[in-house]
N, C-alpha and C. Protein backbone atom coordinates (compact mmCIF):
# COMPACT_ATOMS: atom_id res chain seq x y z
N UNK A 1 83.49 122.69 46.28
CA UNK A 1 84.26 121.51 45.92
C UNK A 1 84.09 121.27 44.42
N UNK A 2 85.16 121.36 43.65
CA UNK A 2 85.11 121.17 42.20
C UNK A 2 84.74 119.72 41.88
N UNK A 3 83.83 119.53 40.94
CA UNK A 3 83.37 118.20 40.59
C UNK A 3 84.49 117.37 39.95
N UNK A 4 84.66 116.13 40.43
CA UNK A 4 85.62 115.20 39.85
C UNK A 4 84.92 113.87 39.65
N UNK A 5 85.52 113.01 38.81
CA UNK A 5 84.88 111.76 38.44
C UNK A 5 85.19 110.67 39.46
N UNK A 6 84.14 110.00 39.96
CA UNK A 6 84.34 108.88 40.87
C UNK A 6 83.05 108.05 40.91
N UNK A 7 83.17 106.83 41.41
CA UNK A 7 82.00 106.00 41.68
C UNK A 7 81.77 105.99 43.18
N UNK A 8 80.53 106.16 43.65
CA UNK A 8 80.27 106.09 45.09
C UNK A 8 80.41 104.66 45.60
N UNK A 9 80.46 104.52 46.92
CA UNK A 9 80.50 103.18 47.52
C UNK A 9 79.33 102.34 46.99
N UNK A 10 79.59 101.08 46.71
CA UNK A 10 78.61 100.15 46.15
C UNK A 10 78.23 100.49 44.71
N UNK A 11 78.86 101.53 44.13
CA UNK A 11 78.64 101.85 42.73
C UNK A 11 77.48 102.77 42.46
N UNK A 12 76.42 102.69 43.27
CA UNK A 12 75.23 103.53 43.11
C UNK A 12 74.83 104.08 44.47
N UNK A 13 74.46 105.36 44.52
CA UNK A 13 74.18 106.00 45.81
C UNK A 13 73.03 105.32 46.56
N UNK A 14 72.03 104.83 45.86
CA UNK A 14 70.89 104.25 46.55
C UNK A 14 71.24 102.91 47.21
N UNK A 15 72.41 102.33 46.86
CA UNK A 15 72.85 101.09 47.49
C UNK A 15 73.69 101.33 48.75
N UNK A 16 73.97 102.60 49.07
CA UNK A 16 74.84 102.91 50.20
C UNK A 16 74.43 102.24 51.52
N UNK A 17 73.14 102.16 51.86
CA UNK A 17 72.77 101.50 53.12
C UNK A 17 73.22 100.04 53.21
N UNK A 18 73.52 99.44 52.06
CA UNK A 18 73.96 98.04 52.05
C UNK A 18 75.47 97.88 52.23
N UNK A 19 76.21 99.01 52.26
CA UNK A 19 77.67 98.91 52.26
C UNK A 19 78.22 98.23 53.51
N UNK A 20 77.78 98.65 54.69
CA UNK A 20 78.31 98.04 55.91
C UNK A 20 77.94 96.56 56.02
N UNK A 21 76.67 96.17 55.75
CA UNK A 21 76.37 94.73 55.73
C UNK A 21 77.21 93.97 54.70
N UNK A 22 77.45 94.59 53.54
CA UNK A 22 78.31 93.97 52.52
C UNK A 22 79.70 93.70 53.08
N UNK A 23 80.25 94.68 53.80
CA UNK A 23 81.59 94.51 54.39
C UNK A 23 81.62 93.36 55.38
N UNK A 24 80.56 93.24 56.19
CA UNK A 24 80.50 92.16 57.17
C UNK A 24 80.41 90.81 56.48
N UNK A 25 79.56 90.70 55.47
CA UNK A 25 79.29 89.41 54.84
C UNK A 25 80.43 88.92 53.95
N UNK A 26 81.21 89.84 53.38
CA UNK A 26 82.24 89.44 52.41
C UNK A 26 83.65 89.41 52.99
N UNK A 27 83.78 89.63 54.29
CA UNK A 27 85.10 89.56 54.90
C UNK A 27 85.97 90.80 54.69
N UNK A 28 85.35 91.91 54.27
CA UNK A 28 86.12 93.13 54.04
C UNK A 28 86.72 93.66 55.33
N UNK A 29 86.05 93.44 56.44
CA UNK A 29 86.59 93.93 57.72
C UNK A 29 87.95 93.30 58.03
N UNK A 30 88.09 92.02 57.67
CA UNK A 30 89.40 91.36 57.86
C UNK A 30 90.46 92.03 56.99
N UNK A 31 90.09 92.36 55.76
CA UNK A 31 91.01 93.07 54.86
C UNK A 31 91.39 94.43 55.47
N UNK A 32 90.43 95.12 56.07
CA UNK A 32 90.71 96.41 56.71
C UNK A 32 91.72 96.24 57.85
N UNK A 33 91.53 95.20 58.67
CA UNK A 33 92.47 94.96 59.78
C UNK A 33 93.87 94.67 59.25
N UNK A 34 93.94 93.93 58.15
CA UNK A 34 95.25 93.67 57.54
C UNK A 34 95.91 94.96 57.07
N UNK A 35 95.13 95.84 56.45
CA UNK A 35 95.67 97.11 55.98
C UNK A 35 96.23 97.92 57.14
N UNK A 36 95.49 97.98 58.23
CA UNK A 36 95.96 98.71 59.41
C UNK A 36 97.24 98.09 59.94
N UNK A 37 97.30 96.77 59.96
CA UNK A 37 98.51 96.09 60.41
C UNK A 37 99.71 96.40 59.53
N UNK A 38 99.50 96.44 58.22
CA UNK A 38 100.59 96.79 57.29
C UNK A 38 101.08 98.22 57.55
N UNK A 39 100.14 99.12 57.84
CA UNK A 39 100.50 100.53 58.01
C UNK A 39 101.27 100.78 59.31
N UNK A 40 100.99 99.97 60.34
CA UNK A 40 101.71 100.10 61.60
C UNK A 40 101.64 101.47 62.25
N UNK A 41 100.45 102.06 62.36
CA UNK A 41 100.37 103.39 62.99
C UNK A 41 100.72 103.33 64.46
N UNK A 42 101.34 104.40 64.97
CA UNK A 42 101.75 104.48 66.37
C UNK A 42 101.09 105.68 67.04
N UNK A 43 101.00 105.67 68.37
CA UNK A 43 100.44 106.84 69.07
C UNK A 43 101.16 108.11 68.65
N UNK A 44 100.39 109.14 68.41
CA UNK A 44 100.95 110.40 67.94
C UNK A 44 100.96 110.54 66.44
N UNK A 45 100.78 109.45 65.71
CA UNK A 45 100.71 109.52 64.25
C UNK A 45 99.42 110.20 63.81
N UNK A 46 99.54 110.93 62.71
CA UNK A 46 98.37 111.50 62.06
C UNK A 46 98.10 110.64 60.83
N UNK A 47 96.93 110.03 60.76
CA UNK A 47 96.59 109.06 59.71
C UNK A 47 95.41 109.58 58.90
N UNK A 48 95.59 109.64 57.60
CA UNK A 48 94.54 110.08 56.67
C UNK A 48 94.08 108.90 55.85
N UNK A 49 92.76 108.71 55.76
CA UNK A 49 92.22 107.75 54.81
C UNK A 49 91.54 108.51 53.68
N UNK A 50 91.95 108.22 52.44
CA UNK A 50 91.32 108.83 51.28
C UNK A 50 90.25 107.87 50.76
N UNK A 51 89.06 108.42 50.51
CA UNK A 51 87.94 107.57 50.12
C UNK A 51 87.46 106.75 51.29
N UNK A 52 87.16 107.41 52.42
CA UNK A 52 86.86 106.71 53.67
C UNK A 52 85.49 106.05 53.68
N UNK A 53 84.63 106.40 52.73
CA UNK A 53 83.30 105.78 52.70
C UNK A 53 82.56 106.00 54.00
N UNK A 54 81.99 104.94 54.55
CA UNK A 54 81.18 105.04 55.77
C UNK A 54 82.01 104.92 57.05
N UNK A 55 83.33 104.94 56.92
CA UNK A 55 84.18 105.00 58.10
C UNK A 55 84.56 103.68 58.73
N UNK A 56 84.44 102.58 58.02
CA UNK A 56 84.73 101.28 58.63
C UNK A 56 86.22 101.12 58.96
N UNK A 57 87.10 101.60 58.09
CA UNK A 57 88.55 101.46 58.36
C UNK A 57 88.96 102.32 59.55
N UNK A 58 88.55 103.59 59.55
CA UNK A 58 88.99 104.48 60.63
C UNK A 58 88.34 104.13 61.96
N UNK A 59 87.15 103.55 61.94
CA UNK A 59 86.55 103.05 63.18
C UNK A 59 87.43 101.95 63.76
N UNK A 60 87.84 101.01 62.92
CA UNK A 60 88.72 99.93 63.39
C UNK A 60 90.07 100.48 63.84
N UNK A 61 90.61 101.46 63.10
CA UNK A 61 91.89 102.06 63.46
C UNK A 61 91.81 102.75 64.81
N UNK A 62 90.78 103.57 65.03
CA UNK A 62 90.66 104.31 66.28
C UNK A 62 90.49 103.38 67.48
N UNK A 63 89.82 102.26 67.27
CA UNK A 63 89.67 101.29 68.36
C UNK A 63 90.98 100.56 68.64
N UNK A 64 91.70 100.20 67.58
CA UNK A 64 92.91 99.39 67.74
C UNK A 64 94.12 100.22 68.15
N UNK A 65 94.15 101.50 67.81
CA UNK A 65 95.34 102.33 67.99
C UNK A 65 95.00 103.64 68.70
N UNK A 66 94.71 103.59 69.99
CA UNK A 66 94.43 104.83 70.72
C UNK A 66 95.64 105.77 70.62
N UNK A 67 95.36 107.05 70.54
CA UNK A 67 96.45 108.01 70.45
C UNK A 67 96.80 108.40 69.03
N UNK A 68 96.17 107.76 68.05
CA UNK A 68 96.35 108.14 66.65
C UNK A 68 95.30 109.20 66.29
N UNK A 69 95.72 110.22 65.58
CA UNK A 69 94.77 111.22 65.07
C UNK A 69 94.27 110.75 63.71
N UNK A 70 92.98 110.48 63.60
CA UNK A 70 92.40 109.91 62.38
C UNK A 70 91.60 110.95 61.61
N UNK A 71 91.86 111.01 60.30
CA UNK A 71 91.16 111.93 59.41
C UNK A 71 90.67 111.13 58.21
N UNK A 72 89.42 111.32 57.84
CA UNK A 72 88.88 110.64 56.67
C UNK A 72 88.28 111.64 55.69
N UNK A 73 88.55 111.44 54.41
CA UNK A 73 87.91 112.29 53.39
C UNK A 73 87.18 111.41 52.38
N UNK A 74 86.06 111.94 51.91
CA UNK A 74 85.28 111.25 50.87
C UNK A 74 84.45 112.31 50.16
N UNK A 75 84.24 112.17 48.85
CA UNK A 75 83.45 113.17 48.12
C UNK A 75 81.95 112.96 48.20
N UNK A 76 81.52 111.84 48.81
CA UNK A 76 80.11 111.52 48.85
C UNK A 76 79.51 111.95 50.19
N UNK A 77 78.60 112.92 50.14
CA UNK A 77 78.04 113.49 51.37
C UNK A 77 77.31 112.45 52.21
N UNK A 78 76.61 111.52 51.56
CA UNK A 78 75.89 110.48 52.30
C UNK A 78 76.83 109.58 53.08
N UNK A 79 77.96 109.22 52.46
CA UNK A 79 78.95 108.39 53.15
C UNK A 79 79.55 109.12 54.34
N UNK A 80 79.87 110.40 54.15
CA UNK A 80 80.48 111.17 55.24
C UNK A 80 79.49 111.32 56.40
N UNK A 81 78.23 111.54 56.11
CA UNK A 81 77.22 111.62 57.18
C UNK A 81 77.17 110.33 57.98
N UNK A 82 77.17 109.20 57.28
CA UNK A 82 77.13 107.91 57.96
C UNK A 82 78.39 107.69 58.80
N UNK A 83 79.55 108.08 58.25
CA UNK A 83 80.81 107.92 58.99
C UNK A 83 80.80 108.76 60.27
N UNK A 84 80.32 109.99 60.17
CA UNK A 84 80.26 110.86 61.36
C UNK A 84 79.33 110.29 62.41
N UNK A 85 78.17 109.78 61.99
CA UNK A 85 77.24 109.18 62.95
C UNK A 85 77.86 107.96 63.62
N UNK A 86 78.59 107.19 62.85
CA UNK A 86 79.25 105.99 63.39
C UNK A 86 80.28 106.37 64.46
N UNK A 87 81.04 107.43 64.20
CA UNK A 87 82.04 107.88 65.17
C UNK A 87 81.36 108.34 66.46
N UNK A 88 80.28 109.10 66.36
CA UNK A 88 79.55 109.57 67.55
C UNK A 88 79.00 108.37 68.32
N UNK A 89 78.39 107.43 67.58
CA UNK A 89 77.79 106.26 68.21
C UNK A 89 78.82 105.43 68.98
N UNK A 90 80.06 105.40 68.47
CA UNK A 90 81.12 104.61 69.11
C UNK A 90 82.03 105.45 70.01
N UNK A 91 81.64 106.73 70.22
CA UNK A 91 82.41 107.63 71.09
C UNK A 91 83.87 107.72 70.64
N UNK A 92 84.07 107.90 69.33
CA UNK A 92 85.41 107.99 68.76
C UNK A 92 85.63 109.37 68.16
N UNK A 93 86.83 109.91 68.34
CA UNK A 93 87.17 111.20 67.76
C UNK A 93 87.84 110.98 66.40
N UNK A 94 87.07 111.12 65.35
CA UNK A 94 87.56 110.97 63.98
C UNK A 94 87.08 112.19 63.19
N UNK A 95 87.98 112.81 62.49
CA UNK A 95 87.67 114.02 61.72
C UNK A 95 87.33 113.63 60.28
N UNK A 96 86.04 113.68 59.94
CA UNK A 96 85.60 113.36 58.58
C UNK A 96 85.32 114.64 57.81
N UNK A 97 85.84 114.70 56.58
CA UNK A 97 85.65 115.89 55.75
C UNK A 97 85.17 115.48 54.35
N UNK A 98 84.38 116.37 53.76
CA UNK A 98 83.89 116.16 52.40
C UNK A 98 84.94 116.71 51.44
N UNK A 99 85.61 115.84 50.69
CA UNK A 99 86.67 116.27 49.78
C UNK A 99 87.01 115.14 48.83
N UNK A 100 87.66 115.51 47.72
CA UNK A 100 88.14 114.54 46.75
C UNK A 100 89.58 114.13 47.07
N UNK A 101 89.93 112.90 46.74
CA UNK A 101 91.30 112.43 46.94
C UNK A 101 92.29 113.22 46.09
N UNK A 102 91.82 113.76 44.97
CA UNK A 102 92.69 114.52 44.09
C UNK A 102 92.83 115.98 44.46
N UNK A 103 92.22 116.39 45.58
CA UNK A 103 92.30 117.78 46.03
C UNK A 103 92.13 117.79 47.55
N UNK A 104 93.16 117.37 48.26
CA UNK A 104 93.07 117.18 49.70
C UNK A 104 93.12 118.50 50.46
N UNK A 105 92.26 118.68 51.45
CA UNK A 105 92.22 119.93 52.22
C UNK A 105 93.22 119.93 53.38
N UNK A 106 94.45 119.50 53.10
CA UNK A 106 95.48 119.40 54.12
C UNK A 106 96.77 120.04 53.62
N UNK A 107 97.57 120.59 54.53
CA UNK A 107 98.83 121.20 54.10
C UNK A 107 99.88 120.16 53.72
N UNK A 108 100.92 120.62 53.04
CA UNK A 108 102.04 119.75 52.68
C UNK A 108 102.65 119.12 53.93
N UNK A 109 103.14 117.88 53.76
CA UNK A 109 103.92 117.20 54.81
C UNK A 109 103.24 117.27 56.17
N UNK A 110 101.97 116.86 56.22
CA UNK A 110 101.20 117.01 57.46
C UNK A 110 100.69 115.71 58.05
N UNK A 111 100.90 114.57 57.36
CA UNK A 111 100.43 113.29 57.90
C UNK A 111 101.54 112.24 57.84
N UNK A 112 101.41 111.24 58.72
CA UNK A 112 102.41 110.17 58.80
C UNK A 112 102.04 108.95 57.96
N UNK A 113 100.76 108.71 57.81
CA UNK A 113 100.29 107.59 57.01
C UNK A 113 99.09 108.04 56.18
N UNK A 114 99.03 107.55 54.96
CA UNK A 114 97.83 107.68 54.14
C UNK A 114 97.35 106.28 53.83
N UNK A 115 96.07 106.02 54.04
CA UNK A 115 95.47 104.73 53.76
C UNK A 115 94.46 104.86 52.63
N UNK A 116 94.38 103.81 51.82
CA UNK A 116 93.38 103.74 50.76
C UNK A 116 92.86 102.31 50.70
N UNK A 117 91.59 102.12 51.02
CA UNK A 117 91.02 100.79 51.05
C UNK A 117 89.92 100.65 50.00
N UNK A 118 90.20 99.84 48.99
CA UNK A 118 89.21 99.53 47.96
C UNK A 118 88.62 100.81 47.36
N UNK A 119 89.51 101.78 47.12
CA UNK A 119 89.10 103.07 46.60
C UNK A 119 89.57 103.31 45.17
N UNK A 120 90.78 102.84 44.83
CA UNK A 120 91.34 103.18 43.52
C UNK A 120 90.43 102.76 42.37
N UNK A 121 89.77 101.61 42.51
CA UNK A 121 88.92 101.15 41.40
C UNK A 121 87.66 101.99 41.24
N UNK A 122 87.43 102.96 42.14
CA UNK A 122 86.32 103.90 41.99
C UNK A 122 86.73 105.12 41.16
N UNK A 123 88.02 105.21 40.80
CA UNK A 123 88.53 106.35 40.05
C UNK A 123 88.97 105.92 38.66
N UNK A 124 88.94 106.85 37.70
CA UNK A 124 89.53 106.55 36.41
C UNK A 124 91.04 106.78 36.50
N UNK A 125 91.77 106.44 35.44
CA UNK A 125 93.24 106.49 35.49
C UNK A 125 93.77 107.89 35.76
N UNK A 126 93.15 108.90 35.17
CA UNK A 126 93.61 110.28 35.39
C UNK A 126 93.46 110.66 36.86
N UNK A 127 92.35 110.24 37.48
CA UNK A 127 92.14 110.54 38.89
C UNK A 127 93.11 109.76 39.77
N UNK A 128 93.51 108.55 39.34
CA UNK A 128 94.54 107.80 40.08
C UNK A 128 95.76 108.69 40.29
N UNK A 129 96.25 109.26 39.19
CA UNK A 129 97.45 110.08 39.26
C UNK A 129 97.29 111.27 40.18
N UNK A 130 96.15 111.95 40.08
CA UNK A 130 95.91 113.12 40.94
C UNK A 130 95.86 112.71 42.41
N UNK A 131 95.15 111.62 42.70
CA UNK A 131 95.02 111.18 44.09
C UNK A 131 96.37 110.77 44.68
N UNK A 132 97.17 110.05 43.90
CA UNK A 132 98.46 109.59 44.42
C UNK A 132 99.45 110.74 44.58
N UNK A 133 99.39 111.71 43.68
CA UNK A 133 100.26 112.90 43.84
C UNK A 133 99.87 113.69 45.08
N UNK A 134 98.59 113.78 45.35
CA UNK A 134 98.13 114.47 46.55
C UNK A 134 98.55 113.71 47.81
N UNK A 135 98.47 112.37 47.77
CA UNK A 135 98.94 111.58 48.91
C UNK A 135 100.41 111.85 49.17
N UNK A 136 101.20 111.90 48.10
CA UNK A 136 102.62 112.21 48.24
C UNK A 136 102.83 113.59 48.84
N UNK A 137 102.05 114.55 48.41
CA UNK A 137 102.20 115.92 48.90
C UNK A 137 101.97 116.05 50.39
N UNK A 138 100.93 115.37 50.90
CA UNK A 138 100.57 115.56 52.32
C UNK A 138 101.39 114.68 53.26
N UNK A 139 102.12 113.70 52.73
CA UNK A 139 102.93 112.83 53.59
C UNK A 139 104.17 113.56 54.08
N UNK A 140 104.49 113.36 55.34
CA UNK A 140 105.75 113.86 55.89
C UNK A 140 106.90 113.03 55.34
N UNK A 141 108.11 113.57 55.34
CA UNK A 141 109.28 112.78 54.92
C UNK A 141 109.35 111.48 55.73
N UNK A 142 109.47 110.37 55.01
CA UNK A 142 109.48 109.07 55.66
C UNK A 142 108.10 108.50 55.91
N UNK A 143 107.05 109.29 55.65
CA UNK A 143 105.69 108.79 55.79
C UNK A 143 105.37 107.75 54.73
N UNK A 144 104.30 107.02 54.92
CA UNK A 144 103.99 105.90 54.03
C UNK A 144 102.53 105.94 53.56
N UNK A 145 102.35 105.54 52.31
CA UNK A 145 101.03 105.30 51.74
C UNK A 145 100.79 103.80 51.70
N UNK A 146 99.67 103.36 52.23
CA UNK A 146 99.30 101.94 52.21
C UNK A 146 97.96 101.79 51.51
N UNK A 147 97.93 100.89 50.54
CA UNK A 147 96.75 100.69 49.69
C UNK A 147 96.37 99.22 49.71
N UNK A 148 95.08 98.95 49.71
CA UNK A 148 94.57 97.63 49.34
C UNK A 148 93.47 97.86 48.31
N UNK A 149 93.51 97.05 47.24
CA UNK A 149 92.47 97.19 46.22
C UNK A 149 92.30 95.87 45.50
N UNK A 150 91.26 95.82 44.67
CA UNK A 150 91.00 94.61 43.89
C UNK A 150 92.20 94.33 42.99
N UNK A 151 92.35 93.08 42.62
CA UNK A 151 93.56 92.65 41.92
C UNK A 151 93.55 92.94 40.43
N UNK A 152 92.54 93.65 39.94
CA UNK A 152 92.51 93.97 38.52
C UNK A 152 92.24 92.72 37.69
N UNK A 153 92.99 92.58 36.59
CA UNK A 153 92.87 91.42 35.70
C UNK A 153 91.52 91.36 34.99
N UNK A 154 90.83 92.48 34.91
CA UNK A 154 89.56 92.54 34.20
C UNK A 154 89.68 93.60 33.10
N UNK A 155 89.54 93.22 31.83
CA UNK A 155 89.62 94.23 30.77
C UNK A 155 88.48 95.23 30.84
N UNK A 156 87.35 94.85 31.40
CA UNK A 156 86.21 95.74 31.55
C UNK A 156 85.64 95.55 32.96
N UNK A 157 85.23 96.62 33.65
CA UNK A 157 85.38 98.00 33.20
C UNK A 157 86.83 98.47 33.33
N UNK A 158 87.15 99.58 32.68
CA UNK A 158 88.53 100.07 32.65
C UNK A 158 89.02 100.44 34.05
N UNK A 159 88.12 100.80 34.96
CA UNK A 159 88.53 101.14 36.32
C UNK A 159 89.15 99.92 37.01
N UNK A 160 88.60 98.73 36.76
CA UNK A 160 89.17 97.53 37.36
C UNK A 160 90.48 97.16 36.69
N UNK A 161 90.55 97.32 35.37
CA UNK A 161 91.80 97.02 34.67
C UNK A 161 92.92 97.91 35.19
N UNK A 162 92.60 99.12 35.60
CA UNK A 162 93.61 100.06 36.09
C UNK A 162 94.15 99.68 37.46
N UNK A 163 93.54 98.70 38.14
CA UNK A 163 94.08 98.24 39.41
C UNK A 163 94.90 96.96 39.27
N UNK A 164 95.23 96.60 38.04
CA UNK A 164 96.21 95.53 37.82
C UNK A 164 97.50 95.94 38.54
N UNK A 165 98.14 95.03 39.30
CA UNK A 165 99.31 95.41 40.11
C UNK A 165 100.38 96.20 39.36
N UNK A 166 100.70 95.82 38.13
CA UNK A 166 101.73 96.57 37.39
C UNK A 166 101.31 98.03 37.18
N UNK A 167 100.03 98.25 36.92
CA UNK A 167 99.52 99.62 36.73
C UNK A 167 99.62 100.42 38.03
N UNK A 168 99.25 99.79 39.15
CA UNK A 168 99.27 100.49 40.43
C UNK A 168 100.71 100.85 40.81
N UNK A 169 101.64 99.91 40.67
CA UNK A 169 103.03 100.18 41.02
C UNK A 169 103.61 101.29 40.15
N UNK A 170 103.28 101.27 38.86
CA UNK A 170 103.77 102.33 37.96
C UNK A 170 103.17 103.68 38.35
N UNK A 171 101.90 103.69 38.73
CA UNK A 171 101.25 104.95 39.12
C UNK A 171 101.86 105.51 40.40
N UNK A 172 102.22 104.64 41.34
CA UNK A 172 102.88 105.08 42.57
C UNK A 172 104.23 105.72 42.25
N UNK A 173 104.98 105.08 41.38
CA UNK A 173 106.29 105.62 40.97
C UNK A 173 106.12 106.96 40.26
N UNK A 174 105.17 107.03 39.34
CA UNK A 174 104.94 108.26 38.58
C UNK A 174 104.49 109.42 39.47
N UNK A 175 103.86 109.10 40.61
CA UNK A 175 103.39 110.14 41.53
C UNK A 175 104.52 110.70 42.40
N UNK A 176 105.73 110.14 42.25
CA UNK A 176 106.87 110.64 43.01
C UNK A 176 107.10 109.93 44.32
N UNK A 177 106.37 108.84 44.56
CA UNK A 177 106.57 108.06 45.76
C UNK A 177 107.77 107.12 45.57
N UNK A 178 108.44 106.77 46.66
CA UNK A 178 109.63 105.94 46.56
C UNK A 178 109.35 104.52 47.04
N UNK A 179 110.15 103.60 46.53
CA UNK A 179 110.09 102.18 46.92
C UNK A 179 108.68 101.59 46.85
N UNK A 180 107.94 101.84 45.78
CA UNK A 180 106.61 101.22 45.70
C UNK A 180 106.74 99.70 45.62
N UNK A 181 105.92 99.01 46.37
CA UNK A 181 106.04 97.55 46.43
C UNK A 181 104.69 96.93 46.74
N UNK A 182 104.52 95.72 46.24
CA UNK A 182 103.38 94.90 46.64
C UNK A 182 103.77 94.22 47.95
N UNK A 183 102.91 94.32 48.97
CA UNK A 183 103.25 93.78 50.28
C UNK A 183 102.42 92.57 50.69
N UNK A 184 101.50 92.16 49.84
CA UNK A 184 100.72 90.98 50.18
C UNK A 184 99.51 90.83 49.29
N UNK A 185 98.93 89.65 49.37
CA UNK A 185 97.68 89.36 48.64
C UNK A 185 96.72 88.68 49.58
N UNK A 186 95.45 88.77 49.25
CA UNK A 186 94.44 88.15 50.08
C UNK A 186 93.17 87.95 49.28
N UNK A 187 92.14 87.49 49.98
CA UNK A 187 90.85 87.26 49.34
C UNK A 187 89.75 87.85 50.21
N UNK A 188 88.75 88.35 49.55
CA UNK A 188 87.50 88.72 50.21
C UNK A 188 86.39 87.99 49.47
N UNK A 189 85.16 88.15 49.94
CA UNK A 189 84.06 87.41 49.32
C UNK A 189 83.83 87.73 47.87
N UNK A 190 84.33 88.88 47.41
CA UNK A 190 84.11 89.29 46.02
C UNK A 190 85.30 88.98 45.13
N UNK A 191 86.43 88.49 45.68
CA UNK A 191 87.59 88.16 44.85
C UNK A 191 88.91 88.51 45.51
N UNK A 192 89.97 88.54 44.69
CA UNK A 192 91.33 88.76 45.20
C UNK A 192 91.61 90.24 45.44
N UNK A 193 92.45 90.50 46.46
CA UNK A 193 92.89 91.87 46.73
C UNK A 193 94.42 91.87 46.84
N UNK A 194 95.00 93.04 46.60
CA UNK A 194 96.46 93.21 46.67
C UNK A 194 96.76 94.40 47.58
N UNK A 195 97.79 94.24 48.40
CA UNK A 195 98.25 95.30 49.29
C UNK A 195 99.52 95.93 48.73
N UNK A 196 99.64 97.25 48.89
CA UNK A 196 100.80 97.99 48.38
C UNK A 196 101.31 98.95 49.47
N UNK A 197 102.59 99.27 49.35
CA UNK A 197 103.20 100.30 50.21
C UNK A 197 104.13 101.15 49.37
N UNK A 198 104.18 102.45 49.67
CA UNK A 198 105.16 103.35 49.06
C UNK A 198 105.47 104.44 50.07
N UNK A 199 106.65 105.04 49.96
CA UNK A 199 107.10 106.03 50.93
C UNK A 199 107.24 107.41 50.30
N UNK A 200 107.15 108.43 51.16
CA UNK A 200 107.36 109.80 50.71
C UNK A 200 108.85 110.10 50.65
């Protein structure tokens, strides 16, 4: 796996054990349920989450939407190990793979939905473009990318500034996705979040 630039969940690898409690305490799970609702996956759909972390989104998806094939990728080996253990513990069939969002181990036009939850702000701007182009590549015609991320509006660090809604919408368009749109706003314990949708 070629090295690419990213921040791990919680920003530092030694904080990873705190990620799931953080999600519970700050209302991130509610944000995850909203993202799944926006995506509207149906039985038979193949759903990919890029930057799946410890698997909280795909665990909720697999429980709420039986019959969906769930795939998660993340470049952090510790996160993927935790996600796999979580799937076994909950008797869920979820395929977790170690990979970067900018280099997906999937063929062209092979998934119906791509999800990204609070992941973009872990990448620099160049990686945004690579990740979104890869999402476009693996989506089937008519498939959709659904994103939720922090609302930006912070000049520092630059990763947060890059999630300003205008930047995200422009990046979706530049990646070749169609009809990029903001689909909602919300709050979590750490601040505002924005939901986006774009089609292949």
